[in-house]
């Protein structure tokens, strides 16, 4: 109780990106524009999938989950970031910081597991097309989605509880723009060895294992595609996977770089750039990648918007 009373009333100060007002105003304009594009793109993807009956398949069920997840993920970070660009007093209370930490960890973990589920869906579609709708029934898809969301929330709960057990000194300054896990534990005044072990274990479970599932799925997918006799069939099979593979590369690549080496000698500015990439850039790019490289999505968008999308 004494430790809780000590830490619950403290404030963290964010160092942010720059102290120059002109630079912050420019950054505000850039990130506000990116945020609007993210909201518009992912909302449009969700609407199109719900409206067009041709997209009532497991692949697009998971894609709509991903789009909703991206909206929530970027919203957990960007609005606060925008406010801090316009103010000189960049602070957050301990409780709000832990809440933001929990939400961002939850949504990030869900995304990694969800991408593995989407890879398995593509594996079944390409390698077992005749049994696809039987294996990936609506009930199974809902169960898989629930596992993804519950797994992310549980992982975040464990990480947040261990972080809250740390002791933080008065007026701790976080060299970041948000309550990102590695940045928060760096300012702790108590020993963080246990936290670092928990981060590595969680990274293996939530990040590396789903990544292995993705890689194994695509090994079987590529092997199956190479056995297709017609070039048109190979192109059609591969085109259903390229969008997902692009998103997987972006998400897993940046996250593994950030989280699987807690002791790595990376600069705070590098950490900020990596965080910006997977919290802001990737959610903005996901709907663009899926809409530009997917004929069914482009056709549905053209139908909804009443014009051709080339």
Protein backbone atom coordinates (compact mmCIF):
# COMPACT_ATOMS: atom_id res chain seq x y z
CA UNK A 1 0.00 0.00 0.00
CA UNK A 2 2.83 2.37 0.79
CA UNK A 3 4.39 1.81 -2.63
CA UNK A 4 1.04 2.35 -4.32
CA UNK A 5 0.51 5.65 -2.50
CA UNK A 6 3.99 6.75 -3.53
CA UNK A 7 3.60 6.05 -7.23
CA UNK A 8 -0.10 6.59 -8.00
CA UNK A 9 0.08 10.38 -7.57
CA UNK A 10 3.29 10.92 -9.51
CA UNK A 11 3.48 12.40 -12.99
CA UNK A 12 5.74 11.38 -15.81
CA UNK A 13 7.16 14.03 -18.13
CA UNK A 14 7.56 13.20 -21.82
CA UNK A 15 10.62 14.52 -23.56
CA UNK A 16 8.87 14.25 -26.91
CA UNK A 17 10.55 15.12 -30.20
CA UNK A 18 11.49 18.79 -30.03
CA UNK A 19 11.26 21.87 -27.84
CA UNK A 20 10.96 24.25 -30.80
CA UNK A 21 7.40 25.48 -31.37
CA UNK A 22 7.81 25.71 -35.15
CA UNK A 23 9.00 22.12 -35.40
CA UNK A 24 6.19 20.91 -33.16
CA UNK A 25 3.58 22.71 -35.29
CA UNK A 26 4.95 21.03 -38.42
CA UNK A 27 4.92 17.64 -36.69
CA UNK A 28 1.36 18.30 -35.53
CA UNK A 29 0.26 18.87 -39.12
CA UNK A 30 2.05 15.72 -40.34
CA UNK A 31 0.72 13.39 -37.64
CA UNK A 32 -2.78 14.86 -37.73
CA UNK A 33 -2.90 14.20 -41.47
CA UNK A 34 -1.63 10.64 -40.99
CA UNK A 35 -4.19 10.07 -38.26
CA UNK A 36 -7.04 11.21 -40.51
CA UNK A 37 -5.81 8.96 -43.33
CA UNK A 38 -5.62 6.02 -40.90
CA UNK A 39 -9.15 6.58 -39.60
CA UNK A 40 -10.60 7.10 -43.08
CA UNK A 41 -8.80 4.15 -44.69
CA UNK A 42 -9.55 1.59 -42.01
CA UNK A 43 -13.15 2.76 -41.56
CA UNK A 44 -13.68 2.46 -45.31
CA UNK A 45 -12.28 -1.07 -45.32
CA UNK A 46 -14.66 -2.10 -42.52
CA UNK A 47 -17.66 -0.51 -44.25
CA UNK A 48 -16.86 -2.14 -47.60
CA UNK A 49 -16.48 -5.59 -46.03
CA UNK A 50 -19.81 -5.23 -44.21
CA UNK A 51 -21.67 -3.91 -47.25
CA UNK A 52 -20.39 -6.16 -50.05
CA UNK A 53 -21.68 -9.78 -49.69
CA UNK A 54 -18.81 -11.03 -51.88
CA UNK A 55 -16.45 -10.18 -49.02
CA UNK A 56 -18.29 -12.34 -46.47
CA UNK A 57 -15.38 -14.78 -46.22
CA UNK A 58 -12.96 -15.67 -43.40
CA UNK A 59 -10.15 -13.66 -45.03
CA UNK A 60 -12.15 -10.44 -44.89
CA UNK A 61 -13.56 -11.21 -41.46
CA UNK A 62 -9.99 -11.16 -40.14
CA UNK A 63 -9.16 -8.11 -42.24
CA UNK A 64 -12.05 -6.18 -40.68
CA UNK A 65 -10.72 -7.19 -37.25
CA UNK A 66 -7.29 -5.87 -38.26
CA UNK A 67 -8.74 -2.56 -39.49
CA UNK A 68 -10.72 -2.07 -36.28
CA UNK A 69 -7.62 -2.94 -34.29
CA UNK A 70 -5.54 -0.38 -36.20
CA UNK A 71 -8.10 2.34 -35.51
CA UNK A 72 -7.98 1.57 -31.78
CA UNK A 73 -4.19 1.22 -31.71
CA UNK A 74 -3.38 4.53 -33.37
CA UNK A 75 -6.09 6.27 -31.31
CA UNK A 76 -4.43 5.08 -28.11
CA UNK A 77 -1.30 7.07 -29.03
CA UNK A 78 -1.85 9.84 -31.58
CA UNK A 79 -4.43 12.14 -29.88
CA UNK A 80 -2.19 12.56 -26.84
CA UNK A 81 0.80 13.07 -29.11
CA UNK A 82 -1.05 15.82 -31.00
CA UNK A 83 -1.96 17.61 -27.77
CA UNK A 84 1.64 17.50 -26.59
CA UNK A 85 2.82 19.08 -29.85
CA UNK A 86 0.75 22.15 -28.90
CA UNK A 87 1.70 22.36 -25.22
CA UNK A 88 4.97 22.88 -23.40
CA UNK A 89 3.89 20.87 -20.33
CA UNK A 90 4.03 17.27 -21.62
CA UNK A 91 2.95 15.31 -18.55
CA UNK A 92 0.84 12.26 -17.75
CA UNK A 93 -0.22 10.86 -14.39
CA UNK A 94 1.01 7.47 -13.24
CA UNK A 95 -2.45 5.89 -13.51
CA UNK A 96 -3.07 7.30 -16.99
CA UNK A 97 0.37 6.14 -18.08
CA UNK A 98 -0.32 2.59 -16.89
CA UNK A 99 -3.71 2.66 -18.64
CA UNK A 100 -2.09 3.76 -21.89
CA UNK A 101 0.60 1.14 -21.46
CA UNK A 102 -2.01 -1.59 -20.97
CA UNK A 103 -4.10 -0.51 -23.96
CA UNK A 104 -1.17 -0.20 -26.37
CA UNK A 105 0.34 -3.52 -25.24
CA UNK A 106 -3.05 -5.22 -25.59
CA UNK A 107 -3.67 -3.96 -29.10
CA UNK A 108 -0.10 -4.64 -30.22
CA UNK A 109 -0.21 -8.21 -28.91
CA UNK A 110 -3.60 -8.83 -30.52
CA UNK A 111 -2.25 -7.67 -33.88
CA UNK A 112 0.71 -10.07 -33.80
CA UNK A 113 -1.52 -13.04 -32.97
CA UNK A 114 -4.16 -11.93 -35.48
CA UNK A 115 -1.60 -11.76 -38.29
CA UNK A 116 -0.65 -15.37 -37.51
CA UNK A 117 -4.33 -16.34 -37.68
CA UNK A 118 -4.60 -14.61 -41.05
CA UNK A 119 -1.55 -16.54 -42.28
CA UNK A 120 -3.20 -19.82 -41.21
CA UNK A 121 -6.35 -18.75 -43.06
CA UNK A 122 -4.30 -18.19 -46.24
CA UNK A 123 -2.61 -21.58 -45.72
CA UNK A 124 -5.96 -23.36 -45.60
CA UNK A 125 -7.29 -21.39 -48.59
CA UNK A 126 -4.29 -22.22 -50.81
CA UNK A 127 -3.31 -25.68 -49.57
CA UNK A 128 -6.78 -27.08 -48.82
CA UNK A 129 -9.17 -25.14 -51.08
CA UNK A 130 -11.82 -27.87 -51.27
CA UNK A 131 -12.19 -27.97 -47.49
CA UNK A 132 -11.64 -24.26 -46.89
CA UNK A 133 -15.18 -23.26 -45.89
CA UNK A 134 -15.52 -26.37 -43.72
CA UNK A 135 -12.27 -25.82 -41.83
CA UNK A 136 -12.65 -22.05 -41.59
CA UNK A 137 -16.32 -22.00 -40.65
CA UNK A 138 -17.89 -18.88 -39.17
CA UNK A 139 -17.80 -20.44 -35.71
CA UNK A 140 -14.11 -21.31 -36.01
CA UNK A 141 -13.26 -17.80 -37.24
CA UNK A 142 -15.05 -16.21 -34.28
CA UNK A 143 -13.25 -18.56 -31.87
CA UNK A 144 -9.86 -17.74 -33.44
CA UNK A 145 -10.60 -14.01 -33.22
CA UNK A 146 -11.57 -14.37 -29.55
CA UNK A 147 -8.32 -16.20 -28.82
CA UNK A 148 -6.38 -13.36 -30.49
CA UNK A 149 -8.12 -10.66 -28.46
CA UNK A 150 -8.00 -12.56 -25.15
CA UNK A 151 -4.33 -13.44 -25.66
CA UNK A 152 -3.42 -9.80 -26.26
CA UNK A 153 -5.35 -8.57 -23.22
CA UNK A 154 -3.82 -11.23 -20.95
CA UNK A 155 -0.27 -10.50 -22.12
CA UNK A 156 -0.78 -6.78 -21.50
CA UNK A 157 -2.22 -7.45 -18.04
CA UNK A 158 0.86 -9.43 -17.00
CA UNK A 159 3.27 -6.82 -18.38
CA UNK A 160 1.38 -3.92 -16.80
CA UNK A 161 1.16 -5.57 -13.37
CA UNK A 162 4.92 -6.17 -13.33
CA UNK A 163 5.54 -2.58 -14.43
CA UNK A 164 3.28 -1.19 -11.69
CA UNK A 165 5.35 -3.07 -9.09
CA UNK A 166 8.39 -0.95 -9.95
CA UNK A 167 9.34 2.12 -7.92
CA UNK A 168 9.63 5.36 -9.87
CA UNK A 169 11.54 8.37 -8.63
CA UNK A 170 10.01 11.81 -8.33
CA UNK A 171 9.67 13.78 -11.59
CA UNK A 172 10.66 10.91 -13.87
CA UNK A 173 11.27 12.05 -17.46
CA UNK A 174 10.43 9.51 -20.16
CA UNK A 175 12.52 10.01 -23.28
CA UNK A 176 9.60 9.14 -25.50
CA UNK A 177 6.27 10.51 -26.73
CA UNK A 178 4.07 7.89 -25.03
CA UNK A 179 4.09 5.34 -22.21
CA UNK A 180 5.93 2.71 -24.19
CA UNK A 181 7.01 -0.31 -22.13
CA UNK A 182 10.76 -0.18 -22.64
CA UNK A 183 10.87 3.60 -22.22
CA UNK A 184 8.91 3.40 -18.94
CA UNK A 185 11.03 0.73 -17.28
CA UNK A 186 14.20 2.66 -18.18
CA UNK A 187 13.20 5.43 -15.74
CA UNK A 188 12.44 3.06 -12.85
CA UNK A 189 14.53 3.51 -9.70
CA UNK A 190 14.22 -0.14 -8.69
CA UNK A 191 15.76 -3.24 -10.26
CA UNK A 192 14.12 -4.15 -13.60
CA UNK A 193 15.73 -7.56 -14.15
CA UNK A 194 12.45 -9.46 -13.60
CA UNK A 195 10.64 -7.08 -15.96
CA UNK A 196 13.21 -7.69 -18.67
CA UNK A 197 12.78 -11.45 -18.28
CA UNK A 198 8.99 -11.05 -18.54
CA UNK A 199 9.41 -8.93 -21.69
CA UNK A 200 11.59 -11.59 -23.32
CA UNK A 201 9.20 -14.43 -22.38
CA UNK A 202 6.19 -12.44 -23.58
CA UNK A 203 8.05 -11.58 -26.77
CA UNK A 204 8.66 -15.26 -27.47
CA UNK A 205 5.00 -16.17 -26.85
CA UNK A 206 3.25 -13.20 -28.46
CA UNK A 207 5.78 -12.26 -31.13
CA UNK A 208 8.20 -15.02 -32.10
CA UNK A 209 5.77 -17.97 -31.99
CA UNK A 210 3.16 -16.18 -34.16
CA UNK A 211 6.02 -15.16 -36.48
CA UNK A 212 7.08 -18.81 -36.76
CA UNK A 213 3.47 -19.78 -37.52
CA UNK A 214 3.44 -17.18 -40.31
CA UNK A 215 6.72 -18.43 -41.78
CA UNK A 216 5.66 -22.10 -41.68
CA UNK A 217 2.32 -21.21 -43.27
CA UNK A 218 4.06 -19.45 -46.13
CA UNK A 219 6.55 -22.28 -46.62
CA UNK A 220 3.61 -24.61 -47.28
CA UNK A 221 1.80 -21.94 -49.33
CA UNK A 222 4.81 -21.33 -51.60
CA UNK A 223 5.40 -25.06 -51.99
CA UNK A 224 1.77 -25.55 -53.02
CA UNK A 225 1.84 -22.59 -55.42
CA UNK A 226 4.96 -23.96 -57.16
CA UNK A 227 3.07 -27.19 -57.88
CA UNK A 228 0.24 -25.37 -59.64
CA UNK A 229 0.63 -26.09 -63.36
CA UNK A 230 -0.81 -22.91 -64.89
CA UNK A 231 0.83 -19.51 -64.53
CA UNK A 232 -2.60 -17.92 -64.11
CA UNK A 233 -3.39 -20.24 -61.21
CA UNK A 234 -0.06 -19.49 -59.56
CA UNK A 235 -0.59 -15.76 -59.97
CA UNK A 236 -4.11 -15.92 -58.52
CA UNK A 237 -2.99 -17.99 -55.54
CA UNK A 238 0.01 -15.77 -54.83
CA UNK A 239 -1.99 -12.55 -55.19
CA UNK A 240 -4.23 -13.56 -52.29
CA UNK A 241 -1.16 -13.66 -50.01
CA UNK A 242 1.07 -10.76 -51.07
CA UNK A 243 -0.89 -8.08 -49.20
CA UNK A 244 -0.82 -10.03 -45.96
CA UNK A 245 2.86 -10.89 -46.38
CA UNK A 246 3.70 -7.20 -46.86
CA UNK A 247 1.84 -6.21 -43.68
CA UNK A 248 3.44 -9.07 -41.75
CA UNK A 249 6.92 -7.95 -42.78
CA UNK A 250 6.24 -4.38 -41.63
CA UNK A 251 4.68 -5.33 -38.27
CA UNK A 252 6.90 -8.20 -37.15
CA UNK A 253 10.10 -6.61 -38.43
CA UNK A 254 9.77 -3.40 -36.42
CA UNK A 255 8.39 -5.12 -33.30
CA UNK A 256 11.13 -7.76 -33.15
CA UNK A 257 13.74 -5.02 -33.55
CA UNK A 258 12.18 -3.07 -30.68
CA UNK A 259 11.20 -5.75 -28.15
CA UNK A 260 13.42 -8.77 -28.49
CA UNK A 261 16.57 -6.92 -27.36
CA UNK A 262 15.71 -4.95 -24.18
CA UNK A 263 19.41 -4.44 -23.44
CA UNK A 264 20.31 -3.35 -26.96
CA UNK A 265 22.35 -0.16 -27.20
CA UNK A 266 19.86 1.71 -29.36
CA UNK A 267 19.43 5.45 -29.01
CA UNK A 268 16.16 6.93 -27.66
CA UNK A 269 15.59 8.58 -31.04
CA UNK A 270 15.78 5.18 -32.75
CA UNK A 271 13.26 3.80 -30.26
CA UNK A 272 10.90 6.70 -31.01
CA UNK A 273 11.17 6.14 -34.77
CA UNK A 274 10.45 2.43 -34.40
CA UNK A 275 7.45 3.20 -32.18
CA UNK A 276 6.15 5.76 -34.67
CA UNK A 277 6.47 3.19 -37.43
CA UNK A 278 4.41 0.43 -35.82
CA UNK A 279 1.97 2.69 -33.94
CA UNK A 280 1.29 5.31 -36.63
CA UNK A 281 2.75 4.43 -40.02
CA UNK A 282 1.77 0.76 -40.21
CA UNK A 283 -1.92 1.32 -39.27
CA UNK A 284 -2.05 3.98 -41.99
CA UNK A 285 -0.43 1.74 -44.62
CA UNK A 286 -2.44 -1.43 -43.93
CA UNK A 287 -5.68 -0.35 -45.69
CA UNK A 288 -3.66 1.13 -48.57
CA UNK A 289 -1.73 -2.11 -49.03
CA UNK A 290 -4.86 -4.27 -48.92
CA UNK A 291 -6.90 -2.02 -51.23
CA UNK A 292 -4.17 -1.52 -53.84
CA UNK A 293 -3.08 -5.16 -54.08
CA UNK A 294 -6.46 -6.87 -53.78
CA UNK A 295 -8.79 -6.92 -56.78
CA UNK A 296 -11.84 -7.89 -54.73
CA UNK A 297 -11.35 -4.98 -52.32
CA UNK A 298 -10.73 -2.56 -55.19
CA UNK A 299 -13.89 -3.77 -56.92
CA UNK A 300 -15.93 -3.41 -53.74
CA UNK A 301 -14.51 0.08 -53.15
CA UNK A 302 -15.38 1.07 -56.71
CA UNK A 303 -18.91 -0.22 -56.21
CA UNK A 304 -19.38 1.62 -52.92
CA UNK A 305 -17.83 4.88 -54.10
CA UNK A 306 -19.53 4.71 -57.49
CA UNK A 307 -16.38 5.01 -59.60
CA UNK A 308 -13.48 2.94 -60.87
CA UNK A 309 -10.40 2.53 -58.71
CA UNK A 310 -7.43 1.68 -60.83
